[in-house]
Amino acid sequence: MNFERNKTYFNFTKQQQKGILGLFSIIVILQMIYYLVDFKNTTKIDPEEQKWLSLHSEIDSIAKLQNQKTIKIYPFNPNFITDYKGYKLGMSVTEIDKLLAFRKENKYVNSAEEFQNVTGVSDSLLNVISPYFKFPDWVKNKQMSKSVVSSNVNSFQFSKKDKIVVKDINQATQEDLIKIYGIGEALSVRILKFKESLGGFVSMEQMKDIWGLSPEVIEKLNESFKVKVLPNVKKIDINNASVKELAQFPYFRYNLAREIVIYRSMHGDIKNAGDLIKIKGFPVDKENIIGLYLDF
């Protein structure tokens, strides 16, 4: 190869050399800019617009959660609606206050219609919440018995043969008691246990002393049962029994048993039921009933 001939092609003047060096420098700078500078399109967002977009996104998420959330209502007795419960159900303050005032009079609503009459809730709200109303069994049975009676009166007259057979309450079994509307397994056991603790019932008035029996249920019991024969109960020796022995009697509690012993020590023997009402804390209205369980 003839290098001398080719050498003439690489002979540049100083001006040409400067031009080549400048061109090379431009190429290097452009390459650095290409690799180091981000040429993606960036748009500036106004701070107010950015704040609005974030707020809008938050509102959308809250609305989505509210749409997904469903309020589940469980069956409840409308007679015991609290302020908070009524608010959650959509009742106004006035409607809740009307119900609470009605309950302070020791009255109860026994149907959706009565609830609306007392509170004044709208038909639309009543239609939403009334399917969840849960009344005691004796209310349902009472309503059912009323509907049966009314339908029977319209169709035929009652036969005189359909008479209620009255039984002795002291001979009643659990099955007999459960047949009474409003009495279930728990109440029937409670009645039998109270009878056992006393040794037997001496009056149907004692049904009022059994917790959980409503006036309507007691009325039904009086229709089907009575005390035919006074039971042979083991009487308490009121003048010699200790505080502990007296306190075991269902009608006496520890405080009353102590008062009885104090009375004996200060006034001597208790001669009759009339002396009992002189004792502090003695239930005067039960004097005659309690006296039948005591030996003077």
C-alpha atoms as a PDB file:
ATOM      1  CA  MET A   1       0.000   0.000   0.000  1.00  0.00           C
ATOM      2  CA  ASN A   2       1.346   3.409  -0.896  1.00  0.00           C
ATOM      3  CA  PHE A   3       1.164   5.382   2.378  1.00  0.00           C
ATOM      4  CA  GLU A   4       2.825   8.381   0.956  1.00  0.00           C
ATOM      5  CA  ARG A   5       0.086   8.796  -1.610  1.00  0.00           C
ATOM      6  CA  ASN A   6      -2.724   8.385   1.013  1.00  0.00           C
ATOM      7  CA  LYS A   7      -1.033  10.712   3.463  1.00  0.00           C
ATOM      8  CA  THR A   8      -2.014  13.638   1.397  1.00  0.00           C
ATOM      9  CA  TYR A   9      -5.664  12.973   2.250  1.00  0.00           C
ATOM     10  CA  PHE A  10      -5.025  13.436   5.990  1.00  0.00           C
ATOM     11  CA  ASN A  11      -3.195  16.719   5.710  1.00  0.00           C
ATOM     12  CA  PHE A  12      -5.538  19.424   7.129  1.00  0.00           C
ATOM     13  CA  THR A  13      -5.004  23.017   7.676  1.00  0.00           C
ATOM     14  CA  LYS A  14      -5.318  24.465  11.146  1.00  0.00           C
ATOM     15  CA  GLN A  15      -8.722  25.890  10.279  1.00  0.00           C
ATOM     16  CA  GLN A  16      -9.925  22.472   9.090  1.00  0.00           C
ATOM     17  CA  GLN A  17      -8.548  20.840  12.227  1.00  0.00           C
ATOM     18  CA  LYS A  18     -10.473  23.316  14.406  1.00  0.00           C
ATOM     19  CA  GLY A  19     -13.652  22.599  12.458  1.00  0.00           C
ATOM     20  CA  ILE A  20     -13.277  18.837  12.884  1.00  0.00           C
ATOM     21  CA  LEU A  21     -12.585  19.254  16.628  1.00  0.00           C
ATOM     22  CA  GLY A  22     -15.655  21.488  17.005  1.00  0.00           C
ATOM     23  CA  LEU A  23     -17.845  18.990  15.150  1.00  0.00           C
ATOM     24  CA  PHE A  24     -16.605  16.168  17.330  1.00  0.00           C
ATOM     25  CA  SER A  25     -17.306  18.211  20.460  1.00  0.00           C
ATOM     26  CA  ILE A  26     -20.883  18.935  19.282  1.00  0.00           C
ATOM     27  CA  ILE A  27     -21.468  15.222  18.687  1.00  0.00           C
ATOM     28  CA  VAL A  28     -20.232  14.334  22.188  1.00  0.00           C
ATOM     29  CA  ILE A  29     -22.399  17.051  23.813  1.00  0.00           C
ATOM     30  CA  LEU A  30     -25.497  15.906  21.935  1.00  0.00           C
ATOM     31  CA  GLN A  31     -24.890  12.315  22.996  1.00  0.00           C
ATOM     32  CA  MET A  32     -24.578  13.385  26.658  1.00  0.00           C
ATOM     33  CA  ILE A  33     -27.770  15.439  26.453  1.00  0.00           C
ATOM     34  CA  TYR A  34     -29.604  12.481  24.920  1.00  0.00           C
ATOM     35  CA  TYR A  35     -28.648  10.151  27.770  1.00  0.00           C
ATOM     36  CA  LEU A  36     -28.887  12.590  30.684  1.00  0.00           C
ATOM     37  CA  VAL A  37     -31.935  14.724  29.916  1.00  0.00           C
ATOM     38  CA  ASP A  38     -35.532  13.383  30.284  1.00  0.00           C
ATOM     39  CA  PHE A  39     -37.461  14.449  27.197  1.00  0.00           C
ATOM     40  CA  LYS A  40     -40.819  13.073  28.413  1.00  0.00           C
ATOM     41  CA  ASN A  41     -43.719  15.490  28.182  1.00  0.00           C
ATOM     42  CA  THR A  42     -44.382  16.997  31.652  1.00  0.00           C
ATOM     43  CA  THR A  43     -47.301  19.262  32.288  1.00  0.00           C
ATOM     44  CA  LYS A  44     -47.521  21.482  35.299  1.00  0.00           C
ATOM     45  CA  ILE A  45     -50.713  21.092  37.355  1.00  0.00           C
ATOM     46  CA  ASP A  46     -52.064  24.041  39.238  1.00  0.00           C
ATOM     47  CA  PRO A  47     -51.930  23.437  43.070  1.00  0.00           C
ATOM     48  CA  GLU A  48     -55.633  24.255  43.451  1.00  0.00           C
ATOM     49  CA  GLU A  49     -56.530  21.859  40.658  1.00  0.00           C
ATOM     50  CA  GLN A  50     -54.339  19.160  42.207  1.00  0.00           C
ATOM     51  CA  LYS A  51     -56.050  19.629  45.590  1.00  0.00           C
ATOM     52  CA  TRP A  52     -59.488  19.351  43.962  1.00  0.00           C
ATOM     53  CA  LEU A  53     -58.506  16.166  42.119  1.00  0.00           C
ATOM     54  CA  SER A  54     -57.304  14.516  45.337  1.00  0.00           C
ATOM     55  CA  LEU A  55     -60.475  15.571  47.155  1.00  0.00           C
ATOM     56  CA  HIS A  56     -62.641  14.292  44.321  1.00  0.00           C
ATOM     57  CA  SER A  57     -60.852  10.942  44.450  1.00  0.00           C
ATOM     58  CA  GLU A  58     -61.441  10.727  48.220  1.00  0.00           C
ATOM     59  CA  ILE A  59     -65.153  11.509  47.790  1.00  0.00           C
ATOM     60  CA  ASP A  60     -65.465   8.775  45.165  1.00  0.00           C
ATOM     61  CA  SER A  61     -63.858   6.233  47.487  1.00  0.00           C
ATOM     62  CA  ILE A  62     -66.160   7.176  50.393  1.00  0.00           C
ATOM     63  CA  ALA A  63     -69.230   6.965  48.163  1.00  0.00           C
ATOM     64  CA  LYS A  64     -68.109   3.556  46.957  1.00  0.00           C
ATOM     65  CA  LEU A  65     -67.724   2.289  50.529  1.00  0.00           C
ATOM     66  CA  GLN A  66     -71.149   3.624  51.502  1.00  0.00           C
ATOM     67  CA  ASN A  67     -72.741   1.870  48.537  1.00  0.00           C
ATOM     68  CA  GLN A  68     -71.053  -1.364  49.518  1.00  0.00           C
ATOM     69  CA  LYS A  69     -72.025  -1.050  53.209  1.00  0.00           C
ATOM     70  CA  THR A  70     -75.403  -2.541  54.103  1.00  0.00           C
ATOM     71  CA  ILE A  71     -77.019  -2.006  57.522  1.00  0.00           C
ATOM     72  CA  LYS A  72     -78.303  -5.269  58.944  1.00  0.00           C
ATOM     73  CA  ILE A  73     -81.285  -4.972  61.294  1.00  0.00           C
ATOM     74  CA  TYR A  74     -81.965  -7.736  63.787  1.00  0.00           C
ATOM     75  CA  PRO A  75     -85.419  -8.470  65.273  1.00  0.00           C
ATOM     76  CA  PHE A  76     -86.157  -6.268  68.301  1.00  0.00           C
ATOM     77  CA  ASN A  77     -88.955  -5.328  70.684  1.00  0.00           C
ATOM     78  CA  PRO A  78     -90.052  -1.774  69.743  1.00  0.00           C
ATOM     79  CA  ASN A  79     -91.029  -1.072  73.353  1.00  0.00           C
ATOM     80  CA  PHE A  80     -87.344  -0.867  74.290  1.00  0.00           C
ATOM     81  CA  ILE A  81     -86.004   1.395  71.537  1.00  0.00           C
ATOM     82  CA  THR A  82     -83.300   3.724  72.879  1.00  0.00           C
ATOM     83  CA  ASP A  83     -82.409   7.179  71.556  1.00  0.00           C
ATOM     84  CA  TYR A  84     -79.494   5.755  69.579  1.00  0.00           C
ATOM     85  CA  LYS A  85     -81.514   2.808  68.248  1.00  0.00           C
ATOM     86  CA  GLY A  86     -84.321   5.121  67.142  1.00  0.00           C
ATOM     87  CA  TYR A  87     -81.852   7.435  65.413  1.00  0.00           C
ATOM     88  CA  LYS A  88     -80.304   4.508  63.528  1.00  0.00           C
ATOM     89  CA  LEU A  89     -83.766   3.379  62.438  1.00  0.00           C
ATOM     90  CA  GLY A  90     -84.533   6.822  61.027  1.00  0.00           C
ATOM     91  CA  MET A  91     -86.924   8.077  63.715  1.00  0.00           C
ATOM     92  CA  SER A  92     -87.021  11.773  64.590  1.00  0.00           C
ATOM     93  CA  VAL A  93     -86.301  13.104  68.076  1.00  0.00           C
ATOM     94  CA  THR A  94     -89.993  13.918  68.568  1.00  0.00           C
ATOM     95  CA  GLU A  95     -91.064  10.392  67.606  1.00  0.00           C
ATOM     96  CA  ILE A  96     -88.523   8.843  69.992  1.00  0.00           C
ATOM     97  CA  ASP A  97     -89.611  11.146  72.837  1.00  0.00           C
ATOM     98  CA  LYS A  98     -93.267  10.171  72.319  1.00  0.00           C
ATOM     99  CA  LEU A  99     -92.375   6.483  72.676  1.00  0.00           C
ATOM    100  CA  LEU A 100     -90.251   7.079  75.788  1.00  0.00           C
ATOM    101  CA  ALA A 101     -93.039   9.149  77.394  1.00  0.00           C
ATOM    102  CA  PHE A 102     -95.518   6.360  76.629  1.00  0.00           C
ATOM    103  CA  ARG A 103     -93.220   3.778  78.252  1.00  0.00           C
ATOM    104  CA  LYS A 104     -92.757   5.926  81.372  1.00  0.00           C
ATOM    105  CA  GLU A 105     -96.465   5.381  82.009  1.00  0.00           C
ATOM    106  CA  ASN A 106     -95.683   1.643  82.147  1.00  0.00           C
ATOM    107  CA  LYS A 107     -97.595   1.057  78.915  1.00  0.00           C
ATOM    108  CA  TYR A 108     -96.589  -1.181  76.010  1.00  0.00           C
ATOM    109  CA  VAL A 109     -97.281  -1.241  72.299  1.00  0.00           C
ATOM    110  CA  ASN A 110     -98.363  -4.667  71.104  1.00  0.00           C
ATOM    111  CA  SER A 111     -98.557  -4.163  67.349  1.00  0.00           C
ATOM    112  CA  ALA A 112     -97.106  -2.116  64.510  1.00  0.00           C
ATOM    113  CA  GLU A 113    -100.340  -0.097  64.342  1.00  0.00           C
ATOM    114  CA  GLU A 114    -100.109   0.839  68.028  1.00  0.00           C
ATOM    115  CA  PHE A 115     -96.457   1.786  67.535  1.00  0.00           C
ATOM    116  CA  GLN A 116     -97.423   4.193  64.746  1.00  0.00           C
ATOM    117  CA  ASN A 117    -100.303   5.657  66.770  1.00  0.00           C
ATOM    118  CA  VAL A 118     -97.986   6.362  69.712  1.00  0.00           C
ATOM    119  CA  THR A 119     -94.932   7.662  67.830  1.00  0.00           C
ATOM    120  CA  GLY A 120     -96.526   9.119  64.706  1.00  0.00           C
ATOM    121  CA  VAL A 121     -93.933   7.604  62.346  1.00  0.00           C
ATOM    122  CA  SER A 122     -94.672   7.757  58.645  1.00  0.00           C
ATOM    123  CA  ASP A 123     -96.131   4.829  56.708  1.00  0.00           C
ATOM    124  CA  SER A 124     -92.949   4.495  54.663  1.00  0.00           C
ATOM    125  CA  LEU A 125     -90.711   4.199  57.747  1.00  0.00           C
ATOM    126  CA  LEU A 126     -93.177   1.817  59.422  1.00  0.00           C
ATOM    127  CA  ASN A 127     -93.146  -0.444  56.364  1.00  0.00           C
ATOM    128  CA  VAL A 128     -89.344  -0.623  56.567  1.00  0.00           C
ATOM    129  CA  ILE A 129     -88.923  -1.347  60.298  1.00  0.00           C
ATOM    130  CA  SER A 130     -92.132  -3.151  61.282  1.00  0.00           C
ATOM    131  CA  PRO A 131     -91.050  -6.506  59.728  1.00  0.00           C
ATOM    132  CA  TYR A 132     -88.305  -6.569  62.392  1.00  0.00           C
ATOM    133  CA  PHE A 133     -90.670  -6.005  65.339  1.00  0.00           C
ATOM    134  CA  LYS A 134     -90.518  -8.913  67.785  1.00  0.00           C
ATOM    135  CA  PHE A 135     -93.188  -9.007  70.479  1.00  0.00           C
ATOM    136  CA  PRO A 136     -93.330 -11.523  73.381  1.00  0.00           C
ATOM    137  CA  ASP A 137     -94.934 -14.883  72.688  1.00  0.00           C
ATOM    138  CA  TRP A 138     -97.934 -14.126  74.873  1.00  0.00           C
ATOM    139  CA  VAL A 139     -98.741 -11.058  72.716  1.00  0.00           C
ATOM    140  CA  LYS A 140     -98.678 -13.170  69.560  1.00  0.00           C
ATOM    141  CA  ASN A 141    -100.783 -15.852  71.200  1.00  0.00           C
ATOM    142  CA  LYS A 142    -103.240 -13.251  72.461  1.00  0.00           C
ATOM    143  CA  GLN A 143    -103.612 -11.775  68.982  1.00  0.00           C
ATOM    144  CA  MET A 144    -104.000 -15.236  67.483  1.00  0.00           C
ATOM    145  CA  SER A 145    -106.620 -16.203  70.044  1.00  0.00           C
ATOM    146  CA  LYS A 146    -108.544 -12.988  69.365  1.00  0.00           C
ATOM    147  CA  SER A 147    -108.536 -13.660  65.633  1.00  0.00           C
ATOM    148  CA  VAL A 148    -109.651 -17.255  66.169  1.00  0.00           C
ATOM    149  CA  VAL A 149    -112.440 -16.173  68.510  1.00  0.00           C
ATOM    150  CA  SER A 150    -113.699 -13.493  66.133  1.00  0.00           C
ATOM    151  CA  SER A 151    -113.707 -15.884  63.190  1.00  0.00           C
ATOM    152  CA  ASN A 152    -115.482 -18.552  65.210  1.00  0.00           C
ATOM    153  CA  VAL A 153    -118.144 -16.097  66.385  1.00  0.00           C
ATOM    154  CA  ASN A 154    -118.891 -15.189  62.796  1.00  0.00           C
ATOM    155  CA  SER A 155    -119.182 -18.808  61.707  1.00  0.00           C
ATOM    156  CA  PHE A 156    -120.859 -20.595  64.626  1.00  0.00           C
ATOM    157  CA  GLN A 157    -121.811 -20.277  68.288  1.00  0.00           C
ATOM    158  CA  PHE A 158    -119.711 -21.883  70.963  1.00  0.00           C
ATOM    159  CA  SER A 159    -120.972 -25.119  72.364  1.00  0.00           C
ATOM    160  CA  LYS A 160    -121.685 -25.178  76.076  1.00  0.00           C
ATOM    161  CA  LYS A 161    -119.686 -28.382  76.241  1.00  0.00           C
ATOM    162  CA  ASP A 162    -116.444 -26.454  75.605  1.00  0.00           C
ATOM    163  CA  LYS A 163    -115.762 -25.636  79.224  1.00  0.00           C
ATOM    164  CA  ILE A 164    -112.360 -25.126  80.794  1.00  0.00           C
ATOM    165  CA  VAL A 165    -111.480 -27.832  83.301  1.00  0.00           C
ATOM    166  CA  VAL A 166    -110.019 -26.081  86.348  1.00  0.00           C
ATOM    167  CA  LYS A 167    -107.166 -27.980  88.014  1.00  0.00           C
ATOM    168  CA  ASP A 168    -105.436 -27.604  91.351  1.00  0.00           C
ATOM    169  CA  ILE A 169    -102.322 -25.486  90.818  1.00  0.00           C
ATOM    170  CA  ASN A 170    -100.418 -27.665  93.287  1.00  0.00           C
ATOM    171  CA  GLN A 171    -101.130 -30.727  91.126  1.00  0.00           C
ATOM    172  CA  ALA A 172    -100.132 -29.026  87.847  1.00  0.00           C
ATOM    173  CA  THR A 173     -97.309 -30.564  85.842  1.00  0.00           C
ATOM    174  CA  GLN A 174     -94.940 -28.792  83.506  1.00  0.00           C
ATOM    175  CA  GLU A 175     -96.996 -30.019  80.532  1.00  0.00           C
ATOM    176  CA  ASP A 176    -100.151 -28.534  82.096  1.00  0.00           C
ATOM    177  CA  LEU A 177     -98.486 -25.148  82.576  1.00  0.00           C
ATOM    178  CA  ILE A 178     -97.006 -24.985  79.077  1.00  0.00           C
ATOM    179  CA  LYS A 179    -100.505 -25.287  77.644  1.00  0.00           C
ATOM    180  CA  ILE A 180    -101.221 -21.767  78.962  1.00  0.00           C
ATOM    181  CA  TYR A 181    -100.602 -19.084  76.365  1.00  0.00           C
ATOM    182  CA  GLY A 182     -97.451 -17.140  77.250  1.00  0.00           C
ATOM    183  CA  ILE A 183     -95.831 -19.855  79.364  1.00  0.00           C
ATOM    184  CA  GLY A 184     -92.888 -21.689  77.905  1.00  0.00           C
ATOM    185  CA  GLU A 185     -90.394 -24.151  79.289  1.00  0.00           C
ATOM    186  CA  ALA A 186     -88.448 -21.572  81.338  1.00  0.00           C
ATOM    187  CA  LEU A 187     -91.506 -20.022  83.012  1.00  0.00           C
ATOM    188  CA  SER A 188     -93.082 -23.396  83.754  1.00  0.00           C
ATOM    189  CA  VAL A 189     -89.887 -24.536  85.512  1.00  0.00           C
ATOM    190  CA  ARG A 190     -89.768 -21.248  87.455  1.00  0.00           C
ATOM    191  CA  ILE A 191     -93.359 -21.765  88.700  1.00  0.00           C
ATOM    192  CA  LEU A 192     -92.658 -25.329  89.818  1.00  0.00           C
ATOM    193  CA  LYS A 193     -89.430 -24.355  91.597  1.00  0.00           C
ATOM    194  CA  PHE A 194     -91.200 -21.566  93.485  1.00  0.00           C
ATOM    195  CA  LYS A 195     -93.930 -24.001  94.523  1.00  0.00           C
ATOM    196  CA  GLU A 196     -91.313 -26.503  95.697  1.00  0.00           C
ATOM    197  CA  SER A 197     -89.458 -23.862  97.759  1.00  0.00           C
ATOM    198  CA  LEU A 198     -92.709 -22.973  99.541  1.00  0.00           C
ATOM    199  CA  GLY A 199     -94.006 -26.504  99.912  1.00  0.00           C
ATOM    200  CA  GLY A 200     -97.089 -25.569  97.891  1.00  0.00           C
ATOM    201  CA  PHE A 201     -99.221 -22.589  96.911  1.00  0.00           C
ATOM    202  CA  VAL A 202    -101.882 -21.358  99.333  1.00  0.00           C
ATOM    203  CA  SER A 203    -103.352 -18.724  96.995  1.00  0.00           C
ATOM    204  CA  MET A 204    -103.381 -17.890  93.287  1.00  0.00           C
ATOM    205  CA  GLU A 205    -102.286 -14.393  94.337  1.00  0.00           C
ATOM    206  CA  GLN A 206     -98.820 -15.884  94.659  1.00  0.00           C
ATOM    207  CA  MET A 207     -98.552 -15.986  90.877  1.00  0.00           C
ATOM    208  CA  LYS A 208     -97.808 -12.253  91.106  1.00  0.00           C
ATOM    209  CA  ASP A 209     -94.681 -13.080  93.112  1.00  0.00           C
ATOM    210  CA  ILE A 210     -93.159 -15.119  90.269  1.00  0.00           C
ATOM    211  CA  TRP A 211     -90.850 -13.021  88.135  1.00  0.00           C
ATOM    212  CA  GLY A 212     -91.637 -12.954  84.432  1.00  0.00           C
ATOM    213  CA  LEU A 213     -95.396 -13.611  84.581  1.00  0.00           C
ATOM    214  CA  SER A 214     -97.299 -10.789  82.902  1.00  0.00           C
ATOM    215  CA  PRO A 215    -100.807  -9.777  84.066  1.00  0.00           C
ATOM    216  CA  GLU A 216    -102.266 -11.402  80.947  1.00  0.00           C
ATOM    217  CA  VAL A 217    -100.573 -14.725  81.682  1.00  0.00           C
ATOM    218  CA  ILE A 218    -101.667 -14.611  85.343  1.00  0.00           C
ATOM    219  CA  GLU A 219    -105.231 -14.040  84.154  1.00  0.00           C
ATOM    220  CA  LYS A 220    -104.978 -17.146  81.978  1.00  0.00           C
ATOM    221  CA  LEU A 221    -103.592 -19.145  84.907  1.00  0.00           C
ATOM    222  CA  ASN A 222    -106.536 -18.098  87.086  1.00  0.00           C
ATOM    223  CA  GLU A 223    -108.906 -19.368  84.401  1.00  0.00           C
ATOM    224  CA  SER A 224    -107.334 -22.843  84.379  1.00  0.00           C
ATOM    225  CA  PHE A 225    -106.058 -23.332  87.936  1.00  0.00           C
ATOM    226  CA  LYS A 226    -106.949 -22.615  91.535  1.00  0.00           C
ATOM    227  CA  VAL A 227    -105.974 -23.797  95.030  1.00  0.00           C
ATOM    228  CA  LYS A 228    -108.592 -26.470  95.713  1.00  0.00           C
ATOM    229  CA  VAL A 229    -106.989 -27.835  98.875  1.00  0.00           C
ATOM    230  CA  LEU A 230    -104.470 -26.094 101.115  1.00  0.00           C
ATOM    231  CA  PRO A 231    -101.191 -28.011 100.940  1.00  0.00           C
ATOM    232  CA  ASN A 232     -99.698 -29.630 104.020  1.00  0.00           C
ATOM    233  CA  VAL A 233     -96.651 -27.380 104.200  1.00  0.00           C
ATOM    234  CA  LYS A 234     -93.867 -27.617 106.752  1.00  0.00           C
ATOM    235  CA  LYS A 235     -94.416 -24.463 108.778  1.00  0.00           C
ATOM    236  CA  ILE A 236     -91.616 -22.275 110.076  1.00  0.00           C
ATOM    237  CA  ASP A 237     -91.372 -21.809 113.844  1.00  0.00           C
ATOM    238  CA  ILE A 238     -91.333 -18.025 113.702  1.00  0.00           C
ATOM    239  CA  ASN A 239     -90.410 -17.634 117.391  1.00  0.00           C
ATOM    240  CA  ASN A 240     -87.488 -20.071 117.471  1.00  0.00           C
ATOM    241  CA  ALA A 241     -86.030 -20.138 113.948  1.00  0.00           C
ATOM    242  CA  SER A 242     -82.593 -18.606 113.491  1.00  0.00           C
ATOM    243  CA  VAL A 243     -81.765 -15.794 111.080  1.00  0.00           C
ATOM    244  CA  LYS A 244     -80.306 -18.326 108.657  1.00  0.00           C
ATOM    245  CA  GLU A 245     -83.416 -20.531 108.776  1.00  0.00           C
ATOM    246  CA  LEU A 246     -85.747 -17.559 108.312  1.00  0.00           C
ATOM    247  CA  ALA A 247     -83.696 -16.224 105.400  1.00  0.00           C
ATOM    248  CA  GLN A 248     -84.248 -19.484 103.499  1.00  0.00           C
ATOM    249  CA  PHE A 249     -87.981 -18.776 103.316  1.00  0.00           C
ATOM    250  CA  PRO A 250     -88.722 -17.242  99.852  1.00  0.00           C
ATOM    251  CA  TYR A 251     -90.702 -14.339 101.316  1.00  0.00           C
ATOM    252  CA  PHE A 252     -87.953 -13.454 103.789  1.00  0.00           C
ATOM    253  CA  ARG A 253     -84.517 -12.143 102.929  1.00  0.00           C
ATOM    254  CA  TYR A 254     -81.590 -11.758 105.281  1.00  0.00           C
ATOM    255  CA  ASN A 255     -82.425  -8.186 106.325  1.00  0.00           C
ATOM    256  CA  LEU A 256     -86.051  -9.044 107.125  1.00  0.00           C
ATOM    257  CA  ALA A 257     -85.023 -12.248 108.921  1.00  0.00           C
ATOM    258  CA  ARG A 258     -82.671 -10.204 111.108  1.00  0.00           C
ATOM    259  CA  GLU A 259     -85.430  -7.676 111.864  1.00  0.00           C
ATOM    260  CA  ILE A 260     -87.718 -10.543 112.955  1.00  0.00           C
ATOM    261  CA  VAL A 261     -85.106 -11.836 115.420  1.00  0.00           C
ATOM    262  CA  ILE A 262     -84.525  -8.309 116.745  1.00  0.00           C
ATOM    263  CA  TYR A 263     -88.263  -7.823 117.213  1.00  0.00           C
ATOM    264  CA  ARG A 264     -88.495 -11.118 119.135  1.00  0.00           C
ATOM    265  CA  SER A 265     -85.664 -10.141 121.438  1.00  0.00           C
ATOM    266  CA  MET A 266     -87.245  -6.769 122.205  1.00  0.00           C
ATOM    267  CA  HIS A 267     -90.978  -7.634 122.336  1.00  0.00           C
ATOM    268  CA  GLY A 268     -91.140 -11.344 123.047  1.00  0.00           C
ATOM    269  CA  ASP A 269     -92.877 -13.997 120.987  1.00  0.00           C
ATOM    270  CA  ILE A 270     -94.816 -13.158 117.839  1.00  0.00           C
ATOM    271  CA  LYS A 271     -98.371 -14.268 118.608  1.00  0.00           C
ATOM    272  CA  ASN A 272    -100.099 -13.949 115.230  1.00  0.00           C
ATOM    273  CA  ALA A 273     -99.861 -12.556 111.723  1.00  0.00           C
ATOM    274  CA  GLY A 274    -100.999  -9.180 113.032  1.00  0.00           C
ATOM    275  CA  ASP A 275     -97.717  -8.824 114.938  1.00  0.00           C
ATOM    276  CA  LEU A 276     -95.752  -9.367 111.723  1.00  0.00           C
ATOM    277  CA  ILE A 277     -96.791  -6.037 110.192  1.00  0.00           C
ATOM    278  CA  LYS A 278     -95.134  -4.285 113.157  1.00  0.00           C
ATOM    279  CA  ILE A 279     -91.754  -5.545 111.974  1.00  0.00           C
ATOM    280  CA  LYS A 280     -89.655  -3.144 109.907  1.00  0.00           C
ATOM    281  CA  GLY A 281     -89.621  -4.044 106.205  1.00  0.00           C
ATOM    282  CA  PHE A 282     -92.356  -6.666 106.421  1.00  0.00           C
ATOM    283  CA  PRO A 283     -94.509  -6.890 103.219  1.00  0.00           C
ATOM    284  CA  VAL A 284     -97.859  -5.870 104.667  1.00  0.00           C
ATOM    285  CA  ASP A 285     -99.805  -6.796 101.521  1.00  0.00           C
ATOM    286  CA  LYS A 286     -98.669 -10.438 101.909  1.00  0.00           C
ATOM    287  CA  GLU A 287     -99.507 -10.760 105.614  1.00  0.00           C
ATOM    288  CA  ASN A 288    -102.310 -13.320 105.206  1.00  0.00           C
ATOM    289  CA  ILE A 289    -100.400 -15.464 102.708  1.00  0.00           C
ATOM    290  CA  ILE A 290     -97.130 -15.512 104.678  1.00  0.00           C
ATOM    291  CA  GLY A 291     -99.021 -16.274 107.908  1.00  0.00           C
ATOM    292  CA  LEU A 292    -100.140 -19.628 106.475  1.00  0.00           C
ATOM    293  CA  TYR A 293     -96.521 -20.766 106.281  1.00  0.00           C
ATOM    294  CA  LEU A 294     -95.662 -19.843 109.884  1.00  0.00           C
ATOM    295  CA  ASP A 295     -96.168 -21.574 113.211  1.00  0.00           C
ATOM    296  CA  PHE A 296     -96.781 -19.118 116.062  1.00  0.00           C
END
